[in-house]
Amino acid sequence: MSDDGVQGLRFSRSRASGAAKYEDYRDNFAIWPGREAKLAEFVNQTYGGRRHKLRHTKSSNSEDALTWSCFDALNEISGAPRIRALADL
């Protein structure tokens, strides 16, 4: 395991892609205070009877982690900051 100089983050590297594989999926998300339970609900949801998101969201290549972090952050801000963020996107 390596922390590559990032204090508190534990991950290893994928031999195939070089992507970081976090021990704790939460290290791969931008989590607003109070949104931890919603994130847990998101990553533990089932599809076809399988919980497939949890394993994949531990990878720094996870599109789910990036998408959830972006849209949840946009959901948590309002007014002018949200308008500016959407305009920049």
Protein backbone atom coordinates (compact mmCIF):
# COMPACT_ATOMS: atom_id res chain seq x y z
CA MET A 1 0.00 0.00 0.00
CA SER A 2 1.07 3.53 -0.64
CA ASP A 3 -0.14 6.92 0.32
CA ASP A 4 2.02 8.64 -2.34
CA GLY A 5 2.48 11.56 0.05
CA VAL A 6 -1.24 12.15 0.54
CA GLN A 7 -1.85 12.02 4.26
CA GLY A 8 -4.68 9.74 5.34
CA LEU A 9 -5.48 8.29 1.90
CA ARG A 10 -4.70 4.60 1.50
CA PHE A 11 -4.61 3.17 -1.99
CA SER A 12 -2.75 0.87 -4.30
CA ARG A 13 -2.15 1.19 -8.03
CA SER A 14 -3.76 -0.96 -10.71
CA ARG A 15 -1.08 -2.80 -12.65
CA ALA A 16 -3.19 -2.63 -15.81
CA SER A 17 -4.22 1.03 -15.85
CA GLY A 18 -2.19 2.77 -13.16
CA ALA A 19 -5.42 3.99 -11.57
CA ALA A 20 -5.50 4.47 -7.83
CA LYS A 21 -7.61 1.83 -6.06
CA TYR A 22 -8.75 3.28 -2.73
CA GLU A 23 -9.27 1.08 0.31
CA ASP A 24 -12.22 3.28 1.30
CA TYR A 25 -14.52 4.38 -1.54
CA ARG A 26 -15.22 7.65 0.28
CA ASP A 27 -11.66 8.79 -0.45
CA ASN A 28 -12.62 8.92 -4.14
CA PHE A 29 -15.60 11.27 -3.69
CA ALA A 30 -16.12 14.94 -2.88
CA ILE A 31 -18.59 14.61 0.00
CA TRP A 32 -20.48 17.59 1.37
CA PRO A 33 -21.05 17.55 5.13
CA GLY A 34 -24.23 15.66 5.96
CA ARG A 35 -24.32 13.78 2.62
CA GLU A 36 -22.46 10.66 3.79
CA ALA A 37 -25.65 8.58 4.14
CA LYS A 38 -26.82 9.53 0.62
CA LEU A 39 -23.44 8.53 -0.78
CA ALA A 40 -23.61 5.17 1.03
CA GLU A 41 -27.11 4.66 -0.40
CA PHE A 42 -25.83 5.46 -3.90
CA VAL A 43 -22.84 3.11 -3.86
CA ASN A 44 -24.78 0.27 -2.21
CA GLN A 45 -27.77 0.32 -4.57
CA THR A 46 -28.48 -2.88 -6.45
CA TYR A 47 -29.03 -3.47 -10.14
CA GLY A 48 -30.15 -6.90 -11.27
CA GLY A 49 -29.70 -8.10 -7.71
CA ARG A 50 -26.02 -7.12 -7.60
CA ARG A 51 -24.22 -4.32 -5.79
CA HIS A 52 -21.80 -3.43 -8.55
CA LYS A 53 -21.08 0.26 -7.81
CA LEU A 54 -19.23 -0.24 -4.53
CA ARG A 55 -16.29 -2.10 -6.03
CA HIS A 56 -15.97 0.19 -9.05
CA THR A 57 -16.22 3.46 -7.11
CA LYS A 58 -12.96 2.61 -5.34
CA SER A 59 -11.08 3.27 -8.62
CA SER A 60 -9.82 6.74 -9.53
CA ASN A 61 -11.16 5.94 -13.04
CA SER A 62 -14.72 5.68 -11.69
CA GLU A 63 -17.20 7.69 -13.73
CA ASP A 64 -19.80 7.15 -10.97
CA ALA A 65 -17.54 8.83 -8.39
CA LEU A 66 -16.88 11.83 -10.62
CA THR A 67 -20.52 12.20 -11.69
CA TRP A 68 -21.98 11.83 -8.20
CA SER A 69 -19.47 14.27 -6.72
CA CYS A 70 -20.17 16.88 -9.40
CA PHE A 71 -23.95 16.70 -9.38
CA ASP A 72 -24.26 16.36 -5.62
CA ALA A 73 -22.10 19.46 -5.18
CA LEU A 74 -24.28 21.36 -7.67
CA ASN A 75 -27.33 20.21 -5.73
CA GLU A 76 -25.89 21.54 -2.47
CA ILE A 77 -25.17 25.08 -3.72
CA SER A 78 -27.76 27.58 -4.85
CA GLY A 79 -28.17 31.00 -6.36
CA ALA A 80 -25.32 32.81 -8.04
CA PRO A 81 -22.63 30.20 -7.23
CA ARG A 82 -24.70 27.48 -8.92
CA ILE A 83 -25.42 29.67 -11.93
CA ARG A 84 -21.69 30.47 -12.32
CA ALA A 85 -20.74 26.79 -11.95
CA LEU A 86 -23.28 25.71 -14.57
CA ALA A 87 -22.15 28.47 -16.93
CA ASP A 88 -18.53 27.32 -16.55
CA LEU A 89 -19.50 23.74 -17.33
